[in-house]
Amino acid sequence: MSNLAAISSSILQGSDELLPECHENFATIFIPEDGELAENMASLGLSVKTQAFLKSLQQTNDNQSRSDTLDSYFPADADETISRILGDTPTRTQERESLASSIRTRRHELLDSILDDEKRRKRETLPSSS
């Protein structure tokens, strides 16, 4: 819980220096070992993970790098990743499915945004037909 307090304090102070640490330690910060994964904690974790992803995009220029970065923050195999973290116990099935669904949805939204940005950049580089 102390990691969560440090992350929360950092974010509330307007600092984003702990965002990469948050991404790397997502499971230990936001998913309790023996407790129920509360929906608000999952939502907070997903939001912080999104902010970490957006910050990391500032260091990437090409579309392949953006896609690779997206894969590292929001993996296509979210179901498997969450199963490893939460375990495969029947009591955690709903938590696992809900979190994996949220990650898939966020991944899809971010991927759409990356593709839209790519299209916009291509349009801007086309010679004007005046």
C-alpha atoms as a PDB file:
ATOM      1  CA  MET A   1       0.000   0.000   0.000  1.00  0.00           C
ATOM      2  CA  SER A   2       2.946   2.354   0.539  1.00  0.00           C
ATOM      3  CA  ASN A   3       3.729   2.191  -3.195  1.00  0.00           C
ATOM      4  CA  LEU A   4       0.173   3.288  -3.926  1.00  0.00           C
ATOM      5  CA  ALA A   5       0.549   6.178  -1.492  1.00  0.00           C
ATOM      6  CA  ALA A   6       3.799   7.300  -3.151  1.00  0.00           C
ATOM      7  CA  ILE A   7       2.292   7.071  -6.641  1.00  0.00           C
ATOM      8  CA  SER A   8      -0.861   8.913  -5.566  1.00  0.00           C
ATOM      9  CA  SER A   9       1.092  11.639  -3.813  1.00  0.00           C
ATOM     10  CA  SER A  10       3.340  12.110  -6.826  1.00  0.00           C
ATOM     11  CA  ILE A  11       0.399  12.385  -9.211  1.00  0.00           C
ATOM     12  CA  LEU A  12      -1.535  14.769  -6.975  1.00  0.00           C
ATOM     13  CA  GLN A  13       1.525  17.012  -6.800  1.00  0.00           C
ATOM     14  CA  GLY A  14       1.590  17.167 -10.598  1.00  0.00           C
ATOM     15  CA  SER A  15       4.715  15.069 -10.964  1.00  0.00           C
ATOM     16  CA  ASP A  16       4.909  12.312 -13.529  1.00  0.00           C
ATOM     17  CA  GLU A  17       8.339  10.965 -12.653  1.00  0.00           C
ATOM     18  CA  LEU A  18       6.919   7.844 -10.972  1.00  0.00           C
ATOM     19  CA  LEU A  19       4.722   6.888 -13.952  1.00  0.00           C
ATOM     20  CA  PRO A  20       7.272   4.449 -15.455  1.00  0.00           C
ATOM     21  CA  GLU A  21       7.644   2.778 -12.047  1.00  0.00           C
ATOM     22  CA  CYS A  22       3.878   2.518 -11.827  1.00  0.00           C
ATOM     23  CA  HIS A  23       3.750   0.750 -15.186  1.00  0.00           C
ATOM     24  CA  GLU A  24       6.548  -1.648 -14.236  1.00  0.00           C
ATOM     25  CA  ASN A  25       4.971  -2.486 -10.873  1.00  0.00           C
ATOM     26  CA  PHE A  26       1.305  -2.260 -11.827  1.00  0.00           C
ATOM     27  CA  ALA A  27       0.365  -5.599 -10.261  1.00  0.00           C
ATOM     28  CA  THR A  28       2.041  -5.029  -6.908  1.00  0.00           C
ATOM     29  CA  ILE A  29       0.721  -1.477  -6.601  1.00  0.00           C
ATOM     30  CA  PHE A  30      -2.888  -1.856  -7.718  1.00  0.00           C
ATOM     31  CA  ILE A  31      -3.790  -5.528  -7.290  1.00  0.00           C
ATOM     32  CA  PRO A  32      -3.946  -6.785  -3.704  1.00  0.00           C
ATOM     33  CA  GLU A  33      -2.566 -10.273  -3.139  1.00  0.00           C
ATOM     34  CA  ASP A  34      -5.286 -11.465  -0.846  1.00  0.00           C
ATOM     35  CA  GLY A  35      -7.996  -8.884  -1.298  1.00  0.00           C
ATOM     36  CA  GLU A  36     -10.616  -8.181  -3.876  1.00  0.00           C
ATOM     37  CA  LEU A  37      -9.636  -5.946  -6.763  1.00  0.00           C
ATOM     38  CA  ALA A  38     -11.970  -3.016  -6.268  1.00  0.00           C
ATOM     39  CA  GLU A  39     -13.348  -1.470  -9.445  1.00  0.00           C
ATOM     40  CA  ASN A  40     -12.109   1.980  -8.460  1.00  0.00           C
ATOM     41  CA  MET A  41      -8.572   0.639  -7.934  1.00  0.00           C
ATOM     42  CA  ALA A  42      -8.636  -1.035 -11.330  1.00  0.00           C
ATOM     43  CA  SER A  43      -9.884   2.196 -12.883  1.00  0.00           C
ATOM     44  CA  LEU A  44      -7.205   4.259 -11.129  1.00  0.00           C
ATOM     45  CA  GLY A  45      -4.513   1.797 -12.171  1.00  0.00           C
ATOM     46  CA  LEU A  46      -5.690   1.847 -15.770  1.00  0.00           C
ATOM     47  CA  SER A  47      -5.716   5.651 -15.788  1.00  0.00           C
ATOM     48  CA  VAL A  48      -2.209   5.882 -14.369  1.00  0.00           C
ATOM     49  CA  LYS A  49      -1.020   3.251 -16.854  1.00  0.00           C
ATOM     50  CA  THR A  50      -2.546   5.329 -19.671  1.00  0.00           C
ATOM     51  CA  GLN A  51      -0.736   8.441 -18.449  1.00  0.00           C
ATOM     52  CA  ALA A  52       2.553   6.505 -18.355  1.00  0.00           C
ATOM     53  CA  PHE A  53       1.933   5.312 -21.916  1.00  0.00           C
ATOM     54  CA  LEU A  54       1.151   8.836 -23.152  1.00  0.00           C
ATOM     55  CA  LYS A  55       4.307  10.186 -21.511  1.00  0.00           C
ATOM     56  CA  SER A  56       6.405   7.488 -23.147  1.00  0.00           C
ATOM     57  CA  LEU A  57       4.988   8.431 -26.562  1.00  0.00           C
ATOM     58  CA  GLN A  58       6.803  11.748 -26.302  1.00  0.00           C
ATOM     59  CA  GLN A  59      10.010   9.805 -26.960  1.00  0.00           C
ATOM     60  CA  THR A  60       8.779   7.926 -30.041  1.00  0.00           C
ATOM     61  CA  ASN A  61       8.468   9.311 -33.535  1.00  0.00           C
ATOM     62  CA  ASP A  62       7.584   6.507 -35.876  1.00  0.00           C
ATOM     63  CA  ASN A  63       4.442   4.409 -36.017  1.00  0.00           C
ATOM     64  CA  GLN A  64       6.207   1.106 -35.341  1.00  0.00           C
ATOM     65  CA  SER A  65       7.682   2.491 -32.119  1.00  0.00           C
ATOM     66  CA  ARG A  66       4.239   3.713 -31.073  1.00  0.00           C
ATOM     67  CA  SER A  67       2.756   0.272 -31.710  1.00  0.00           C
ATOM     68  CA  ASP A  68       5.567  -1.419 -29.796  1.00  0.00           C
ATOM     69  CA  THR A  69       5.069   0.987 -26.903  1.00  0.00           C
ATOM     70  CA  LEU A  70       1.332   0.285 -26.932  1.00  0.00           C
ATOM     71  CA  ASP A  71       2.064  -3.460 -26.830  1.00  0.00           C
ATOM     72  CA  SER A  72       4.300  -3.049 -23.798  1.00  0.00           C
ATOM     73  CA  TYR A  73       1.750  -1.003 -21.828  1.00  0.00           C
ATOM     74  CA  PHE A  74      -1.449  -2.660 -23.052  1.00  0.00           C
ATOM     75  CA  PRO A  75      -0.582  -6.143 -24.334  1.00  0.00           C
ATOM     76  CA  ALA A  76      -2.808  -7.883 -26.846  1.00  0.00           C
ATOM     77  CA  ASP A  77      -2.752 -10.934 -24.561  1.00  0.00           C
ATOM     78  CA  ALA A  78      -4.182  -9.014 -21.592  1.00  0.00           C
ATOM     79  CA  ASP A  79      -6.266 -12.049 -20.556  1.00  0.00           C
ATOM     80  CA  GLU A  80      -3.162 -14.193 -20.089  1.00  0.00           C
ATOM     81  CA  THR A  81      -1.274 -11.437 -18.311  1.00  0.00           C
ATOM     82  CA  ILE A  82      -4.127 -10.795 -15.886  1.00  0.00           C
ATOM     83  CA  SER A  83      -4.549 -14.545 -15.267  1.00  0.00           C
ATOM     84  CA  ARG A  84      -0.892 -14.761 -14.269  1.00  0.00           C
ATOM     85  CA  ILE A  85      -1.301 -11.822 -11.906  1.00  0.00           C
ATOM     86  CA  LEU A  86      -4.666 -12.690 -10.345  1.00  0.00           C
ATOM     87  CA  GLY A  87      -4.474 -16.455 -10.679  1.00  0.00           C
ATOM     88  CA  ASP A  88      -7.054 -18.750 -12.174  1.00  0.00           C
ATOM     89  CA  THR A  89      -9.250 -19.214  -9.143  1.00  0.00           C
ATOM     90  CA  PRO A  90     -12.994 -19.220  -9.830  1.00  0.00           C
ATOM     91  CA  THR A  91     -13.555 -16.514  -7.196  1.00  0.00           C
ATOM     92  CA  ARG A  92     -11.438 -14.066  -9.195  1.00  0.00           C
ATOM     93  CA  THR A  93     -12.924 -14.850 -12.617  1.00  0.00           C
ATOM     94  CA  GLN A  94     -15.157 -11.785 -12.726  1.00  0.00           C
ATOM     95  CA  GLU A  95     -12.355  -9.469 -11.546  1.00  0.00           C
ATOM     96  CA  ARG A  96      -9.995 -10.945 -14.138  1.00  0.00           C
ATOM     97  CA  GLU A  97     -12.508 -10.638 -16.970  1.00  0.00           C
ATOM     98  CA  SER A  98     -13.456  -7.082 -16.018  1.00  0.00           C
ATOM     99  CA  LEU A  99      -9.850  -5.873 -15.830  1.00  0.00           C
ATOM    100  CA  ALA A 100      -8.870  -7.654 -19.054  1.00  0.00           C
ATOM    101  CA  SER A 101     -11.889  -6.152 -20.806  1.00  0.00           C
ATOM    102  CA  SER A 102     -10.947  -2.668 -19.609  1.00  0.00           C
ATOM    103  CA  ILE A 103      -7.380  -3.129 -20.826  1.00  0.00           C
ATOM    104  CA  ARG A 104      -8.588  -4.388 -24.229  1.00  0.00           C
ATOM    105  CA  THR A 105     -10.964  -1.439 -24.563  1.00  0.00           C
ATOM    106  CA  ARG A 106      -8.265   1.079 -23.639  1.00  0.00           C
ATOM    107  CA  ARG A 107      -5.815  -0.617 -26.024  1.00  0.00           C
ATOM    108  CA  HIS A 108      -8.366  -0.378 -28.842  1.00  0.00           C
ATOM    109  CA  GLU A 109      -9.039   3.310 -28.116  1.00  0.00           C
ATOM    110  CA  LEU A 110      -5.330   4.137 -28.055  1.00  0.00           C
ATOM    111  CA  LEU A 111      -4.649   2.134 -31.199  1.00  0.00           C
ATOM    112  CA  ASP A 112      -7.449   3.990 -33.003  1.00  0.00           C
ATOM    113  CA  SER A 113      -5.900   7.257 -31.863  1.00  0.00           C
ATOM    114  CA  ILE A 114      -2.447   6.226 -33.129  1.00  0.00           C
ATOM    115  CA  LEU A 115      -3.919   5.244 -36.500  1.00  0.00           C
ATOM    116  CA  ASP A 116      -5.892   8.497 -36.727  1.00  0.00           C
ATOM    117  CA  ASP A 117      -2.733  10.449 -35.970  1.00  0.00           C
ATOM    118  CA  GLU A 118      -0.865   8.510 -38.651  1.00  0.00           C
ATOM    119  CA  LYS A 119      -3.558   9.358 -41.207  1.00  0.00           C
ATOM    120  CA  ARG A 120      -3.490  13.016 -40.177  1.00  0.00           C
ATOM    121  CA  ARG A 121       0.299  13.172 -40.555  1.00  0.00           C
ATOM    122  CA  LYS A 122       0.108  11.607 -44.008  1.00  0.00           C
ATOM    123  CA  ARG A 123      -2.507  14.147 -45.091  1.00  0.00           C
ATOM    124  CA  GLU A 124      -0.333  16.981 -43.843  1.00  0.00           C
ATOM    125  CA  THR A 125       2.645  15.786 -45.886  1.00  0.00           C
ATOM    126  CA  LEU A 126       0.685  15.459 -49.132  1.00  0.00           C
ATOM    127  CA  PRO A 127       1.208  18.298 -51.577  1.00  0.00           C
ATOM    128  CA  SER A 128      -1.761  20.589 -51.785  1.00  0.00           C
ATOM    129  CA  SER A 129      -3.803  20.416 -54.998  1.00  0.00           C
ATOM    130  CA  SER A 130      -4.562  24.107 -55.395  1.00  0.00           C
END
